[in-house]
Amino acid sequence: MTTNSIPSPLTVLLVDDHAVVREGYRRLLERSGDIQVAGEAGNSGDAYQLMSQLKPAVVVMDISLPDVSGIEAARRMLAREPAVRVLIFSMHEEAVFAARALQAGARGYVTKASAPEILIDAVRAVARGEIFLSPDIAQILALKNVRDGDAALQSLSAREFEVMRLLATGHTLSAIAAKLGLSYKTVANHQSAIRQKTGAQTAVELLRIAQRSGLVPAGNGDGISEVRDAGAA
């Protein structure tokens, strides 16, 4: 629902795992004159608590967090507080991340390559109830041709997408179960569903799909051995 009114001051909760980065964004946002950073969090667990306590107008959140991703965190926040407005601010410029963030309920997606004023405009727009995409990601979403890997990822549920992201970054099934608060068997079932939907027969094939779709950098093989361990479990 869109509204023309913006609360004054416009309060923001910053969620990023780097304190120095948060400090830079705090200065940038508060320099605008109408935006106040009410709190900061370095992980999703702290973000949930601060969101409930502070009731910020906008949650500005990175995707790469030490516990669960910002996309999963947004989904959980919205399940608890449907009215919360989340703006994803990320280094990831791949269409799959922006599409998944919006599907999870985020109201905007801005890349960290954007000009500083873009983030300020995004916070104001999201606070008004609008959807906001930075120009670079809007163009990518508008022009992208769906590739095989992307099409496969689109068929995954939100939970399966998060499990695949963690598998592709080298997490074992046990580690994923601990991060997401699930049983080992449930994560193993998600892995089986992911393989069925993507057509990946091996852990290496799963990693290649993740690389083609931008879930992990192309050519990054750091997590292959761990993914193999998870796949063999």
C-alpha atoms as a PDB file:
ATOM      1  CA  MET A   1       0.000   0.000   0.000  1.00  0.00           C
ATOM      2  CA  THR A   2       1.399   3.363  -1.011  1.00  0.00           C
ATOM      3  CA  THR A   3       1.173   6.453   1.138  1.00  0.00           C
ATOM      4  CA  ASN A   4       2.471   9.957   0.473  1.00  0.00           C
ATOM      5  CA  SER A   5       3.416  10.658   4.077  1.00  0.00           C
ATOM      6  CA  ILE A   6       6.881   9.999   5.497  1.00  0.00           C
ATOM      7  CA  PRO A   7       7.384   9.786   9.268  1.00  0.00           C
ATOM      8  CA  SER A   8       9.578  12.511  10.748  1.00  0.00           C
ATOM      9  CA  PRO A   9      12.243  11.746  11.569  1.00  0.00           C
ATOM     10  CA  LEU A  10      12.444   8.824   9.173  1.00  0.00           C
ATOM     11  CA  THR A  11      13.991   6.090  11.342  1.00  0.00           C
ATOM     12  CA  VAL A  12      16.201   3.373   9.898  1.00  0.00           C
ATOM     13  CA  LEU A  13      17.651   0.123  11.215  1.00  0.00           C
ATOM     14  CA  LEU A  14      20.992  -0.686   9.546  1.00  0.00           C
ATOM     15  CA  VAL A  15      21.868  -4.374   9.212  1.00  0.00           C
ATOM     16  CA  ASP A  16      25.387  -5.168   7.953  1.00  0.00           C
ATOM     17  CA  ASP A  17      28.070  -7.378   9.477  1.00  0.00           C
ATOM     18  CA  HIS A  18      30.835  -4.782   9.099  1.00  0.00           C
ATOM     19  CA  ALA A  19      30.850  -2.030  11.737  1.00  0.00           C
ATOM     20  CA  VAL A  20      32.976   0.293   9.604  1.00  0.00           C
ATOM     21  CA  VAL A  21      30.570  -0.078   6.692  1.00  0.00           C
ATOM     22  CA  ARG A  22      27.583   0.650   8.948  1.00  0.00           C
ATOM     23  CA  GLU A  23      29.312   3.801  10.217  1.00  0.00           C
ATOM     24  CA  GLY A  24      29.752   5.043   6.655  1.00  0.00           C
ATOM     25  CA  TYR A  25      26.108   4.445   5.805  1.00  0.00           C
ATOM     26  CA  ARG A  26      24.983   6.057   9.054  1.00  0.00           C
ATOM     27  CA  ARG A  27      26.870   9.253   8.178  1.00  0.00           C
ATOM     28  CA  LEU A  28      25.534   9.206   4.620  1.00  0.00           C
ATOM     29  CA  LEU A  29      21.907   8.755   5.643  1.00  0.00           C
ATOM     30  CA  GLU A  30      21.922  11.191   8.545  1.00  0.00           C
ATOM     31  CA  ARG A  31      23.569  13.843   6.369  1.00  0.00           C
ATOM     32  CA  SER A  32      20.281  13.970   4.444  1.00  0.00           C
ATOM     33  CA  GLY A  33      18.670  15.825   7.344  1.00  0.00           C
ATOM     34  CA  ASP A  34      15.417  13.847   7.523  1.00  0.00           C
ATOM     35  CA  ILE A  35      16.746  10.322   8.169  1.00  0.00           C
ATOM     36  CA  GLN A  36      17.805   9.054  11.595  1.00  0.00           C
ATOM     37  CA  VAL A  37      19.608   5.743  12.131  1.00  0.00           C
ATOM     38  CA  ALA A  38      17.803   4.393  15.200  1.00  0.00           C
ATOM     39  CA  GLY A  39      19.874   1.214  15.522  1.00  0.00           C
ATOM     40  CA  GLU A  40      22.467  -1.085  13.998  1.00  0.00           C
ATOM     41  CA  ALA A  41      22.793  -4.866  13.837  1.00  0.00           C
ATOM     42  CA  GLY A  42      25.544  -7.142  12.586  1.00  0.00           C
ATOM     43  CA  ASN A  43      23.407 -10.268  12.127  1.00  0.00           C
ATOM     44  CA  SER A  44      19.800 -11.263  11.579  1.00  0.00           C
ATOM     45  CA  GLY A  45      19.225 -12.371  15.180  1.00  0.00           C
ATOM     46  CA  ASP A  46      20.055  -8.937  16.566  1.00  0.00           C
ATOM     47  CA  ALA A  47      18.106  -7.349  13.705  1.00  0.00           C
ATOM     48  CA  TYR A  48      14.893  -9.192  14.702  1.00  0.00           C
ATOM     49  CA  GLN A  49      15.183  -7.941  18.284  1.00  0.00           C
ATOM     50  CA  LEU A  50      15.943  -4.351  17.310  1.00  0.00           C
ATOM     51  CA  MET A  51      13.169  -4.294  14.737  1.00  0.00           C
ATOM     52  CA  SER A  52      10.648  -5.278  17.421  1.00  0.00           C
ATOM     53  CA  GLN A  53      12.024  -2.772  19.918  1.00  0.00           C
ATOM     54  CA  LEU A  54      12.604   0.225  17.663  1.00  0.00           C
ATOM     55  CA  LYS A  55       9.819  -0.142  15.073  1.00  0.00           C
ATOM     56  CA  PRO A  56      11.912   1.576  12.366  1.00  0.00           C
ATOM     57  CA  ALA A  57      10.283   3.027   9.267  1.00  0.00           C
ATOM     58  CA  VAL A  58      12.768   1.121   7.070  1.00  0.00           C
ATOM     59  CA  VAL A  59      15.176  -1.763   7.613  1.00  0.00           C
ATOM     60  CA  VAL A  60      18.228  -1.348   5.350  1.00  0.00           C
ATOM     61  CA  MET A  61      19.835  -4.773   5.140  1.00  0.00           C
ATOM     62  CA  ASP A  62      22.762  -6.428   3.413  1.00  0.00           C
ATOM     63  CA  ILE A  63      22.383  -9.925   1.940  1.00  0.00           C
ATOM     64  CA  SER A  64      25.680 -11.325   3.233  1.00  0.00           C
ATOM     65  CA  LEU A  65      25.188 -11.833   6.973  1.00  0.00           C
ATOM     66  CA  PRO A  66      27.019 -14.301   9.242  1.00  0.00           C
ATOM     67  CA  ASP A  67      23.936 -16.334  10.203  1.00  0.00           C
ATOM     68  CA  VAL A  68      21.267 -16.368   7.495  1.00  0.00           C
ATOM     69  CA  SER A  69      21.120 -14.237   4.354  1.00  0.00           C
ATOM     70  CA  GLY A  70      19.401 -10.877   4.296  1.00  0.00           C
ATOM     71  CA  ILE A  71      16.788 -12.386   1.988  1.00  0.00           C
ATOM     72  CA  GLU A  72      15.929 -15.095   4.508  1.00  0.00           C
ATOM     73  CA  ALA A  73      16.040 -12.515   7.299  1.00  0.00           C
ATOM     74  CA  ALA A  74      13.585 -10.315   5.384  1.00  0.00           C
ATOM     75  CA  ARG A  75      11.239 -13.264   4.914  1.00  0.00           C
ATOM     76  CA  ARG A  76      11.320 -14.011   8.643  1.00  0.00           C
ATOM     77  CA  MET A  77      10.836 -10.359   9.597  1.00  0.00           C
ATOM     78  CA  LEU A  78       7.812 -10.051   7.356  1.00  0.00           C
ATOM     79  CA  ALA A  79       6.349 -13.272   8.714  1.00  0.00           C
ATOM     80  CA  ARG A  80       6.539 -11.710  12.184  1.00  0.00           C
ATOM     81  CA  GLU A  81       5.722  -8.096  11.232  1.00  0.00           C
ATOM     82  CA  PRO A  82       3.973  -7.901   7.822  1.00  0.00           C
ATOM     83  CA  ALA A  83       4.045  -4.085   7.885  1.00  0.00           C
ATOM     84  CA  VAL A  84       7.842  -3.820   8.129  1.00  0.00           C
ATOM     85  CA  ARG A  85       9.523  -2.250   5.102  1.00  0.00           C
ATOM     86  CA  VAL A  86      12.818  -3.819   4.090  1.00  0.00           C
ATOM     87  CA  LEU A  87      15.318  -2.344   1.651  1.00  0.00           C
ATOM     88  CA  ILE A  88      18.096  -4.673   0.521  1.00  0.00           C
ATOM     89  CA  PHE A  89      21.426  -2.888   0.005  1.00  0.00           C
ATOM     90  CA  SER A  90      23.930  -5.338  -1.430  1.00  0.00           C
ATOM     91  CA  MET A  91      27.097  -5.799  -3.453  1.00  0.00           C
ATOM     92  CA  HIS A  92      25.309  -8.495  -5.486  1.00  0.00           C
ATOM     93  CA  GLU A  93      24.335  -7.172  -8.912  1.00  0.00           C
ATOM     94  CA  GLU A  94      22.876 -10.434 -10.241  1.00  0.00           C
ATOM     95  CA  ALA A  95      19.184 -10.453 -11.144  1.00  0.00           C
ATOM     96  CA  VAL A  96      18.507 -13.626  -9.175  1.00  0.00           C
ATOM     97  CA  PHE A  97      19.221 -11.892  -5.854  1.00  0.00           C
ATOM     98  CA  ALA A  98      17.000  -8.896  -6.589  1.00  0.00           C
ATOM     99  CA  ALA A  99      14.169 -11.119  -7.810  1.00  0.00           C
ATOM    100  CA  ARG A 100      14.388 -13.326  -4.728  1.00  0.00           C
ATOM    101  CA  ALA A 101      14.525 -10.331  -2.404  1.00  0.00           C
ATOM    102  CA  LEU A 102      11.332  -8.916  -3.891  1.00  0.00           C
ATOM    103  CA  GLN A 103       9.670 -12.323  -3.729  1.00  0.00           C
ATOM    104  CA  ALA A 104      10.585 -12.482  -0.036  1.00  0.00           C
ATOM    105  CA  GLY A 105       8.730  -9.209   0.486  1.00  0.00           C
ATOM    106  CA  ALA A 106      11.503  -6.602   0.364  1.00  0.00           C
ATOM    107  CA  ARG A 107      10.270  -3.236  -0.905  1.00  0.00           C
ATOM    108  CA  GLY A 108      13.493  -2.298  -2.637  1.00  0.00           C
ATOM    109  CA  TYR A 109      16.893  -3.400  -3.860  1.00  0.00           C
ATOM    110  CA  VAL A 110      19.893  -1.088  -4.243  1.00  0.00           C
ATOM    111  CA  THR A 111      23.383  -2.181  -5.229  1.00  0.00           C
ATOM    112  CA  LYS A 112      26.391  -0.839  -3.360  1.00  0.00           C
ATOM    113  CA  ALA A 113      27.798   0.346  -6.686  1.00  0.00           C
ATOM    114  CA  SER A 114      25.019   2.962  -6.800  1.00  0.00           C
ATOM    115  CA  ALA A 115      25.636   6.670  -6.212  1.00  0.00           C
ATOM    116  CA  PRO A 116      25.136   7.742  -2.568  1.00  0.00           C
ATOM    117  CA  GLU A 117      21.995   9.744  -3.328  1.00  0.00           C
ATOM    118  CA  ILE A 118      20.344   6.598  -4.720  1.00  0.00           C
ATOM    119  CA  LEU A 119      20.335   4.978  -1.280  1.00  0.00           C
ATOM    120  CA  ILE A 120      18.770   8.096   0.262  1.00  0.00           C
ATOM    121  CA  ASP A 121      16.086   8.208  -2.449  1.00  0.00           C
ATOM    122  CA  ALA A 122      15.450   4.499  -1.921  1.00  0.00           C
ATOM    123  CA  VAL A 123      14.955   4.856   1.842  1.00  0.00           C
ATOM    124  CA  ARG A 124      12.468   7.686   1.335  1.00  0.00           C
ATOM    125  CA  ALA A 125      10.578   5.816  -1.376  1.00  0.00           C
ATOM    126  CA  VAL A 126      10.355   2.600   0.640  1.00  0.00           C
ATOM    127  CA  ALA A 127       9.197   4.593   3.678  1.00  0.00           C
ATOM    128  CA  ARG A 128       6.344   5.932   1.505  1.00  0.00           C
ATOM    129  CA  GLY A 129       5.372   2.359   0.681  1.00  0.00           C
ATOM    130  CA  GLU A 130       6.787   2.390  -2.841  1.00  0.00           C
ATOM    131  CA  ILE A 131       8.894  -0.240  -4.592  1.00  0.00           C
ATOM    132  CA  PHE A 132      12.376   1.033  -5.436  1.00  0.00           C
ATOM    133  CA  LEU A 133      15.133  -0.497  -7.576  1.00  0.00           C
ATOM    134  CA  SER A 134      18.458   1.169  -8.245  1.00  0.00           C
ATOM    135  CA  PRO A 135      18.808   1.975 -11.965  1.00  0.00           C
ATOM    136  CA  ASP A 136      21.480  -0.660 -12.581  1.00  0.00           C
ATOM    137  CA  ILE A 137      19.474  -3.538 -11.105  1.00  0.00           C
ATOM    138  CA  ALA A 138      16.244  -2.305 -12.729  1.00  0.00           C
ATOM    139  CA  GLN A 139      17.935  -2.476 -16.126  1.00  0.00           C
ATOM    140  CA  ILE A 140      19.306  -5.948 -15.451  1.00  0.00           C
ATOM    141  CA  LEU A 141      15.875  -7.220 -14.424  1.00  0.00           C
ATOM    142  CA  ALA A 142      14.215  -5.609 -17.428  1.00  0.00           C
ATOM    143  CA  LEU A 143      16.703  -6.876 -20.009  1.00  0.00           C
ATOM    144  CA  LYS A 144      17.788 -10.220 -18.684  1.00  0.00           C
ATOM    145  CA  ASN A 145      17.127 -13.354 -20.661  1.00  0.00           C
ATOM    146  CA  VAL A 146      16.258 -16.285 -18.444  1.00  0.00           C
ATOM    147  CA  ARG A 147      19.079 -18.802 -18.614  1.00  0.00           C
ATOM    148  CA  ASP A 148      18.852 -22.483 -17.731  1.00  0.00           C
ATOM    149  CA  GLY A 149      20.338 -21.941 -14.291  1.00  0.00           C
ATOM    150  CA  ASP A 150      18.049 -19.000 -13.568  1.00  0.00           C
ATOM    151  CA  ALA A 151      14.976 -20.916 -14.673  1.00  0.00           C
ATOM    152  CA  ALA A 152      15.906 -23.785 -12.376  1.00  0.00           C
ATOM    153  CA  LEU A 153      16.385 -21.447  -9.425  1.00  0.00           C
ATOM    154  CA  GLN A 154      13.026 -19.797 -10.041  1.00  0.00           C
ATOM    155  CA  SER A 155      11.339 -23.130  -9.334  1.00  0.00           C
ATOM    156  CA  LEU A 156      12.847 -23.355  -5.835  1.00  0.00           C
ATOM    157  CA  SER A 157      10.884 -22.388  -2.753  1.00  0.00           C
ATOM    158  CA  ALA A 158      12.284 -19.660  -0.507  1.00  0.00           C
ATOM    159  CA  ARG A 159      13.665 -22.236   1.927  1.00  0.00           C
ATOM    160  CA  GLU A 160      15.161 -24.371  -0.889  1.00  0.00           C
ATOM    161  CA  PHE A 161      16.829 -21.273  -2.337  1.00  0.00           C
ATOM    162  CA  GLU A 162      18.450 -20.498   1.011  1.00  0.00           C
ATOM    163  CA  VAL A 163      19.628 -24.102   1.412  1.00  0.00           C
ATOM    164  CA  MET A 164      21.110 -24.089  -2.097  1.00  0.00           C
ATOM    165  CA  ARG A 165      22.902 -20.800  -1.416  1.00  0.00           C
ATOM    166  CA  LEU A 166      24.473 -22.277   1.705  1.00  0.00           C
ATOM    167  CA  LEU A 167      25.394 -25.521  -0.058  1.00  0.00           C
ATOM    168  CA  ALA A 168      27.054 -23.534  -2.849  1.00  0.00           C
ATOM    169  CA  THR A 169      29.122 -21.559  -0.358  1.00  0.00           C
ATOM    170  CA  GLY A 170      30.519 -24.721   1.215  1.00  0.00           C
ATOM    171  CA  HIS A 171      28.216 -25.444   4.171  1.00  0.00           C
ATOM    172  CA  THR A 172      27.546 -29.022   5.193  1.00  0.00           C
ATOM    173  CA  LEU A 173      24.028 -30.280   5.849  1.00  0.00           C
ATOM    174  CA  SER A 174      24.697 -30.215   9.594  1.00  0.00           C
ATOM    175  CA  ALA A 175      25.880 -26.608   9.439  1.00  0.00           C
ATOM    176  CA  ILE A 176      22.850 -25.585   7.390  1.00  0.00           C
ATOM    177  CA  ALA A 177      20.514 -27.299   9.846  1.00  0.00           C
ATOM    178  CA  ALA A 178      22.096 -25.341  12.703  1.00  0.00           C
ATOM    179  CA  LYS A 179      21.918 -22.010  10.850  1.00  0.00           C
ATOM    180  CA  LEU A 180      18.283 -22.370   9.799  1.00  0.00           C
ATOM    181  CA  GLY A 181      17.026 -24.075  12.946  1.00  0.00           C
ATOM    182  CA  LEU A 182      15.971 -27.200  11.040  1.00  0.00           C
ATOM    183  CA  SER A 183      16.555 -30.893  11.533  1.00  0.00           C
ATOM    184  CA  TYR A 184      19.272 -32.644   9.541  1.00  0.00           C
ATOM    185  CA  LYS A 185      16.601 -34.771   7.830  1.00  0.00           C
ATOM    186  CA  THR A 186      14.636 -31.711   6.739  1.00  0.00           C
ATOM    187  CA  VAL A 187      17.724 -30.125   5.185  1.00  0.00           C
ATOM    188  CA  ALA A 188      18.580 -33.412   3.456  1.00  0.00           C
ATOM    189  CA  ASN A 189      15.043 -33.489   2.024  1.00  0.00           C
ATOM    190  CA  HIS A 190      15.469 -29.927   0.774  1.00  0.00           C
ATOM    191  CA  GLN A 191      18.739 -30.927  -0.873  1.00  0.00           C
ATOM    192  CA  SER A 192      16.995 -33.807  -2.661  1.00  0.00           C
ATOM    193  CA  ALA A 193      14.259 -31.455  -3.878  1.00  0.00           C
ATOM    194  CA  ILE A 194      16.862 -28.951  -5.076  1.00  0.00           C
ATOM    195  CA  ARG A 195      18.670 -31.610  -7.083  1.00  0.00           C
ATOM    196  CA  GLN A 196      15.415 -32.813  -8.609  1.00  0.00           C
ATOM    197  CA  LYS A 197      14.321 -29.310  -9.621  1.00  0.00           C
ATOM    198  CA  THR A 198      17.712 -28.189 -10.944  1.00  0.00           C
ATOM    199  CA  GLY A 199      18.630 -31.501 -12.558  1.00  0.00           C
ATOM    200  CA  ALA A 200      21.969 -31.541 -10.728  1.00  0.00           C
ATOM    201  CA  GLN A 201      23.190 -35.102 -10.206  1.00  0.00           C
ATOM    202  CA  THR A 202      26.345 -34.228  -8.281  1.00  0.00           C
ATOM    203  CA  ALA A 203      27.536 -31.544  -5.879  1.00  0.00           C
ATOM    204  CA  VAL A 204      29.834 -30.139  -8.574  1.00  0.00           C
ATOM    205  CA  GLU A 205      26.908 -29.767 -11.002  1.00  0.00           C
ATOM    206  CA  LEU A 206      24.959 -27.983  -8.283  1.00  0.00           C
ATOM    207  CA  LEU A 207      27.891 -25.628  -7.742  1.00  0.00           C
ATOM    208  CA  ARG A 208      28.118 -24.875 -11.479  1.00  0.00           C
ATOM    209  CA  ILE A 209      24.429 -23.953 -11.596  1.00  0.00           C
ATOM    210  CA  ALA A 210      24.982 -21.648  -8.638  1.00  0.00           C
ATOM    211  CA  GLN A 211      27.960 -20.057 -10.419  1.00  0.00           C
ATOM    212  CA  ARG A 212      26.041 -19.520 -13.674  1.00  0.00           C
ATOM    213  CA  SER A 213      23.220 -17.868 -11.781  1.00  0.00           C
ATOM    214  CA  GLY A 214      25.470 -15.613  -9.723  1.00  0.00           C
ATOM    215  CA  LEU A 215      24.877 -17.252  -6.343  1.00  0.00           C
ATOM    216  CA  VAL A 216      28.647 -17.664  -6.051  1.00  0.00           C
ATOM    217  CA  PRO A 217      31.371 -16.086  -8.207  1.00  0.00           C
ATOM    218  CA  ALA A 218      32.180 -18.014 -11.381  1.00  0.00           C
ATOM    219  CA  GLY A 219      35.339 -20.033 -11.003  1.00  0.00           C
ATOM    220  CA  ASN A 220      35.126 -20.025  -7.222  1.00  0.00           C
ATOM    221  CA  GLY A 221      35.865 -23.593  -6.189  1.00  0.00           C
ATOM    222  CA  ASP A 222      36.555 -22.951  -2.506  1.00  0.00           C
ATOM    223  CA  GLY A 223      33.439 -24.734  -1.373  1.00  0.00           C
ATOM    224  CA  ILE A 224      33.555 -27.770  -3.660  1.00  0.00           C
ATOM    225  CA  SER A 225      34.995 -30.203  -1.134  1.00  0.00           C
ATOM    226  CA  GLU A 226      32.523 -29.150   1.538  1.00  0.00           C
ATOM    227  CA  VAL A 227      29.630 -29.338  -0.927  1.00  0.00           C
ATOM    228  CA  ARG A 228      30.743 -32.829  -1.882  1.00  0.00           C
ATOM    229  CA  ASP A 229      30.705 -33.807   1.797  1.00  0.00           C
ATOM    230  CA  ALA A 230      27.203 -32.397   2.147  1.00  0.00           C
ATOM    231  CA  GLY A 231      26.042 -34.101  -1.002  1.00  0.00           C
ATOM    232  CA  ALA A 232      27.355 -37.439   0.117  1.00  0.00           C
ATOM    233  CA  ALA A 233      25.599 -37.246   3.463  1.00  0.00           C
END
